[in-house]
């Protein structure tokens, strides 16, 4: 399977090692205003949430998109950052972690933590 980044490849490897069933880029989600689509990185069907791998999270439109998606679609997106201590923009004191805390998004660095998953001990199959 080809992934778009090393971070995504590492997330997939961590999910496989933990025998977590996941789908990679399997669902396009629509949101508004002005209808747009979003292709989440990983879907965890047994726990019904998405994981988005982010090396960079500087774009304010991207952050707004995640707020709109959660509000409009009621889905749970969790972030795995390359480094959650990175600042969201030049001159900003807010980090990726601060933004997630402010908006109640779960996040981690490098790999998804085991606490995100219930009794999700499938065969680690990929779809997508």
Foldseek 3Di string as FASTA:
>chain_A
DDDPDVLLVLQLVQCQVQQFAKEAQPDWDWFDDVIDIDRFGIARVVLQATEHEEQAQQDPVVVVVVVRCCVPVVGAYAYEYQDQQPASDVPDNHGNVNSCVVVVHHYYYSYDDPVSDDPRNHNSDYHD
